[in-house]
Amino acid sequence: MRKRVRSAFAVAMLLGEDVGRTERFVAPLVLYAGALAVLFGGAPGPLPAPWAASALLLYPVGAWLAHALAESEDDDARTVTLSAAGGPWPVAAGVLIAATAGVALLGLLAVVWGVVAAWGTATTGSLLDGLLAHLACGITGAAVGSVFSRPVVRNEGVALIGALVVLVVTGTQSWLPPVGTAAAALGSGRLGVGPFGDLVVALLVAVAATALVVRVEQGGGLRELGARLGRHVGRLRR
């Protein structure tokens, strides 16, 4: 187990270097920073309410980052990585570890920016709630992005449409944990399952996403389903 964990962190570092070298992280980073500049510009209002929007925005950004990480290697390079890592589990986990590191940094940026912009309105409790909410939304987004990537979904068009549908449907339901309840708790004070509970649910979603990716990588039935969907999309384009 320790060997698998070490391999997963090694894969995360490898994929992170690949994405950094190709600068595929720039677009989501600039998009999120621009959104924060608009959100916290002027008088954003007392915290933690402004963090509801920045946490919710981290949901699609997390998916974007995870997709970029999962797609950073071509099929040949991925085969080499799978062999060197000792199987699909460390590779699937490595994608989520690297994406989680990215969303954690962006979430911290949002929290610090909010504290500076709304100086004097943050409390220790609201700071913790803000951090947990951003992590919950970002990690859940990373799970979505890892599923709508290779090897589960190989067609870019299908992956984009599928991810957008999931992000919009789940991100706009304020009663649905972890993203909806996390954002709603910051914005309206509704507790839902609580900030820590949202993070736990997000981690469970990430574990389920990892298991799904591993299953498909090992030759599960979803591989064939994804291939059939890709062929159908290709026929529709003709």
Protein backbone atom coordinates (compact mmCIF):
# COMPACT_ATOMS: atom_id res chain seq x y z
CA MET A 1 0.00 0.00 0.00
CA ARG A 2 2.83 2.41 0.85
CA LYS A 3 4.42 1.68 -2.51
CA ARG A 4 1.16 2.54 -4.28
CA VAL A 5 0.83 5.80 -2.35
CA ARG A 6 4.42 6.79 -3.18
CA SER A 7 3.77 5.92 -6.82
CA ALA A 8 0.60 8.04 -6.82
CA PHE A 9 2.50 11.08 -5.51
CA ALA A 10 5.26 10.47 -8.06
CA VAL A 11 2.67 10.37 -10.84
CA ALA A 12 1.09 13.57 -9.49
CA MET A 13 4.47 15.32 -9.66
CA LEU A 14 5.11 13.97 -13.16
CA LEU A 15 1.74 15.08 -14.51
CA GLY A 16 2.02 18.42 -12.75
CA GLU A 17 5.37 19.03 -14.43
CA ASP A 18 3.87 18.07 -17.81
CA VAL A 19 0.98 20.48 -17.40
CA GLY A 20 3.30 23.20 -16.14
CA ARG A 21 5.67 22.74 -19.07
CA THR A 22 2.86 22.90 -21.62
CA GLU A 23 1.19 25.79 -19.73
CA ARG A 24 -2.21 24.10 -19.88
CA PHE A 25 -2.87 25.45 -16.39
CA VAL A 26 -2.76 29.07 -17.55
CA ALA A 27 -6.33 29.27 -18.90
CA PRO A 28 -8.13 28.06 -15.74
CA LEU A 29 -5.76 30.09 -13.56
CA VAL A 30 -6.37 33.33 -15.48
CA LEU A 31 -10.12 32.65 -15.61
CA TYR A 32 -10.34 32.11 -11.85
CA ALA A 33 -8.09 35.06 -11.00
CA GLY A 34 -10.18 37.30 -13.24
CA ALA A 35 -13.36 36.11 -11.57
CA LEU A 36 -11.87 36.83 -8.14
CA ALA A 37 -10.85 40.32 -9.26
CA VAL A 38 -14.45 41.04 -10.24
CA LEU A 39 -15.93 39.36 -7.18
CA PHE A 40 -13.70 41.04 -4.60
CA GLY A 41 -13.29 44.37 -6.37
CA GLY A 42 -14.82 47.41 -4.76
CA ALA A 43 -17.00 46.49 -1.77
CA PRO A 44 -17.66 42.73 -1.82
CA GLY A 45 -19.70 42.78 1.39
CA PRO A 46 -19.09 41.02 4.69
CA LEU A 47 -17.62 37.54 4.73
CA PRO A 48 -18.32 34.66 4.30
CA ALA A 49 -21.05 35.45 1.73
CA PRO A 50 -18.67 36.49 -1.10
CA TRP A 51 -16.87 33.15 -0.76
CA ALA A 52 -20.00 31.32 -1.89
CA ALA A 53 -19.39 32.48 -5.46
CA SER A 54 -15.63 31.85 -5.44
CA ALA A 55 -16.15 28.34 -4.01
CA LEU A 56 -18.79 27.55 -6.63
CA LEU A 57 -16.50 28.84 -9.41
CA LEU A 58 -13.77 26.50 -8.20
CA TYR A 59 -16.02 23.55 -9.10
CA PRO A 60 -15.63 23.85 -12.90
CA VAL A 61 -12.03 25.05 -12.53
CA GLY A 62 -11.20 21.86 -10.62
CA ALA A 63 -12.76 19.80 -13.38
CA TRP A 64 -10.75 21.74 -15.97
CA LEU A 65 -7.48 21.13 -14.10
CA ALA A 66 -8.12 17.41 -13.64
CA HIS A 67 -9.01 17.01 -17.32
CA ALA A 68 -5.81 18.81 -18.34
CA LEU A 69 -3.78 16.52 -16.09
CA ALA A 70 -5.48 13.34 -17.29
CA GLU A 71 -5.01 14.33 -20.92
CA SER A 72 -1.41 15.57 -20.57
CA GLU A 73 0.02 12.31 -21.97
CA ASP A 74 -0.72 10.55 -25.23
CA ASP A 75 -1.62 6.86 -25.26
CA ASP A 76 1.99 5.68 -25.62
CA ALA A 77 3.26 7.86 -22.77
CA ARG A 78 0.33 6.81 -20.59
CA THR A 79 1.16 3.15 -21.18
CA VAL A 80 4.72 3.80 -20.00
CA THR A 81 3.43 5.67 -16.93
CA LEU A 82 1.02 2.86 -16.08
CA SER A 83 3.82 0.33 -16.27
CA ALA A 84 6.27 2.41 -14.24
CA ALA A 85 3.66 3.25 -11.58
CA GLY A 86 2.63 -0.37 -11.15
CA GLY A 87 -0.90 -0.19 -12.51
CA PRO A 88 -3.84 2.13 -13.03
CA TRP A 89 -4.56 2.92 -9.37
CA PRO A 90 -1.51 5.16 -8.76
CA VAL A 91 -2.09 6.94 -12.08
CA ALA A 92 -5.78 7.65 -11.40
CA ALA A 93 -4.98 8.74 -7.84
CA GLY A 94 -2.07 10.84 -9.07
CA VAL A 95 -4.38 12.86 -11.32
CA LEU A 96 -6.64 13.69 -8.40
CA ILE A 97 -3.73 14.44 -6.06
CA ALA A 98 -2.23 16.91 -8.52
CA ALA A 99 -5.62 18.50 -9.21
CA THR A 100 -6.34 18.73 -5.47
CA ALA A 101 -3.04 20.54 -4.93
CA GLY A 102 -4.03 23.01 -7.63
CA VAL A 103 -7.51 23.72 -6.29
CA ALA A 104 -6.16 23.97 -2.74
CA LEU A 105 -3.82 26.77 -3.84
CA LEU A 106 -6.60 28.53 -5.74
CA GLY A 107 -8.98 28.11 -2.81
CA LEU A 108 -6.39 29.61 -0.47
CA LEU A 109 -5.96 32.50 -2.90
CA ALA A 110 -9.71 33.14 -2.85
CA VAL A 111 -9.88 33.04 0.94
CA VAL A 112 -6.90 35.39 1.42
CA TRP A 113 -8.15 37.76 -1.27
CA GLY A 114 -11.54 37.84 0.41
CA VAL A 115 -10.02 38.60 3.80
CA VAL A 116 -8.04 41.51 2.35
CA ALA A 117 -10.97 42.87 0.33
CA ALA A 118 -13.46 42.62 3.21
CA TRP A 119 -11.03 43.42 5.98
CA GLY A 120 -12.37 43.05 9.50
CA THR A 121 -15.45 40.98 8.60
CA ALA A 122 -13.88 37.50 8.79
CA THR A 123 -13.94 35.37 11.92
CA THR A 124 -11.99 32.23 12.74
CA GLY A 125 -15.10 30.13 12.13
CA SER A 126 -15.85 31.76 8.79
CA LEU A 127 -12.24 31.31 7.67
CA LEU A 128 -12.42 27.59 8.38
CA ASP A 129 -15.81 27.31 6.68
CA GLY A 130 -14.48 29.16 3.64
CA LEU A 131 -11.42 26.94 3.31
CA LEU A 132 -13.45 23.73 3.69
CA ALA A 133 -16.08 24.89 1.20
CA HIS A 134 -13.47 25.75 -1.43
CA LEU A 135 -11.76 22.40 -0.93
CA ALA A 136 -15.06 20.52 -1.16
CA CYS A 137 -16.04 22.24 -4.41
CA GLY A 138 -12.59 21.98 -5.96
CA ILE A 139 -12.07 18.31 -5.11
CA THR A 140 -15.52 17.40 -6.42
CA GLY A 141 -14.76 19.26 -9.63
CA ALA A 142 -11.49 17.36 -9.94
CA ALA A 143 -13.39 14.09 -9.58
CA VAL A 144 -15.77 15.11 -12.37
CA GLY A 145 -12.87 16.14 -14.60
CA SER A 146 -11.03 12.86 -14.05
CA VAL A 147 -14.10 10.83 -15.02
CA PHE A 148 -14.77 12.83 -18.18
CA SER A 149 -11.27 12.14 -19.51
CA ARG A 150 -9.35 9.16 -20.81
CA PRO A 151 -9.75 6.26 -20.33
CA VAL A 152 -13.44 6.62 -19.38
CA VAL A 153 -14.38 9.09 -22.12
CA ARG A 154 -11.98 9.32 -25.06
CA ASN A 155 -14.01 11.61 -27.29
CA GLU A 156 -13.32 15.27 -26.45
CA GLY A 157 -16.77 16.41 -27.56
CA VAL A 158 -18.58 13.82 -25.45
CA ALA A 159 -16.31 14.64 -22.49
CA LEU A 160 -17.01 18.37 -22.74
CA ILE A 161 -20.79 18.00 -23.07
CA GLY A 162 -21.01 15.37 -20.35
CA ALA A 163 -18.89 17.35 -17.90
CA LEU A 164 -20.84 20.56 -18.55
CA VAL A 165 -24.15 18.81 -17.92
CA VAL A 166 -22.93 17.31 -14.65
CA LEU A 167 -21.36 20.57 -13.48
CA VAL A 168 -24.43 22.66 -14.23
CA VAL A 169 -26.97 20.21 -12.81
CA THR A 170 -25.10 19.44 -9.59
CA GLY A 171 -23.68 22.91 -9.07
CA THR A 172 -27.04 24.69 -9.18
CA GLN A 173 -28.83 22.51 -6.63
CA SER A 174 -28.38 24.18 -3.24
CA TRP A 175 -29.66 21.09 -1.41
CA LEU A 176 -27.19 18.69 -3.04
CA PRO A 177 -23.91 18.00 -1.24
CA PRO A 178 -21.09 18.67 -1.46
CA VAL A 179 -21.01 21.60 -3.92
CA GLY A 180 -24.55 22.95 -3.62
CA THR A 181 -24.69 22.78 0.17
CA ALA A 182 -21.16 24.18 0.57
CA ALA A 183 -21.93 27.27 -1.52
CA ALA A 184 -25.39 27.70 0.03
CA ALA A 185 -24.01 27.51 3.56
CA LEU A 186 -21.63 30.37 2.88
CA GLY A 187 -24.16 32.48 1.02
CA SER A 188 -27.35 31.99 3.00
CA GLY A 189 -26.28 30.37 6.22
CA ARG A 190 -28.03 27.06 5.52
CA LEU A 191 -25.86 24.39 7.08
CA GLY A 192 -26.72 21.30 5.04
CA VAL A 193 -24.29 18.58 6.12
CA GLY A 194 -21.86 21.19 7.44
CA PRO A 195 -18.50 22.34 6.00
CA PHE A 196 -16.60 19.30 7.26
CA GLY A 197 -19.37 17.00 6.07
CA ASP A 198 -19.20 18.57 2.60
CA LEU A 199 -15.46 17.87 2.49
CA VAL A 200 -15.98 14.26 3.55
CA VAL A 201 -18.60 13.79 0.81
CA ALA A 202 -16.21 15.37 -1.71
CA LEU A 203 -13.46 12.93 -0.72
CA LEU A 204 -15.87 10.01 -1.09
CA VAL A 205 -16.81 11.27 -4.56
CA ALA A 206 -13.10 11.45 -5.42
CA VAL A 207 -12.56 7.87 -4.22
CA ALA A 208 -15.53 6.69 -6.31
CA ALA A 209 -14.16 8.54 -9.36
CA THR A 210 -10.76 6.91 -8.87
CA ALA A 211 -12.36 3.47 -8.61
CA LEU A 212 -14.33 4.07 -11.81
CA VAL A 213 -11.24 5.17 -13.74
CA VAL A 214 -9.29 2.16 -12.50
CA ARG A 215 -12.12 -0.19 -13.43
CA VAL A 216 -12.27 1.17 -16.97
CA GLU A 217 -8.46 1.12 -17.31
CA GLN A 218 -8.54 -2.55 -16.37
CA GLY A 219 -10.97 -3.29 -19.18
CA GLY A 220 -14.35 -2.66 -17.57
CA GLY A 221 -17.54 -2.45 -19.57
CA LEU A 222 -17.55 1.34 -19.66
CA ARG A 223 -14.60 1.29 -22.05
CA GLU A 224 -16.73 -0.36 -24.70
CA LEU A 225 -19.64 1.97 -23.90
CA GLY A 226 -17.40 5.01 -24.33
CA ALA A 227 -16.09 3.67 -27.62
CA ARG A 228 -19.63 3.14 -28.92
CA LEU A 229 -20.63 6.67 -27.89
CA GLY A 230 -17.61 8.02 -29.71
CA ARG A 231 -18.52 6.15 -32.88
CA HIS A 232 -22.10 7.45 -32.72
CA VAL A 233 -20.89 11.03 -32.30
CA GLY A 234 -18.54 10.54 -35.24
CA ARG A 235 -21.45 9.38 -37.45
CA LEU A 236 -23.56 12.38 -36.43
CA ARG A 237 -20.81 14.75 -37.49
CA ARG A 238 -20.68 13.32 -40.99
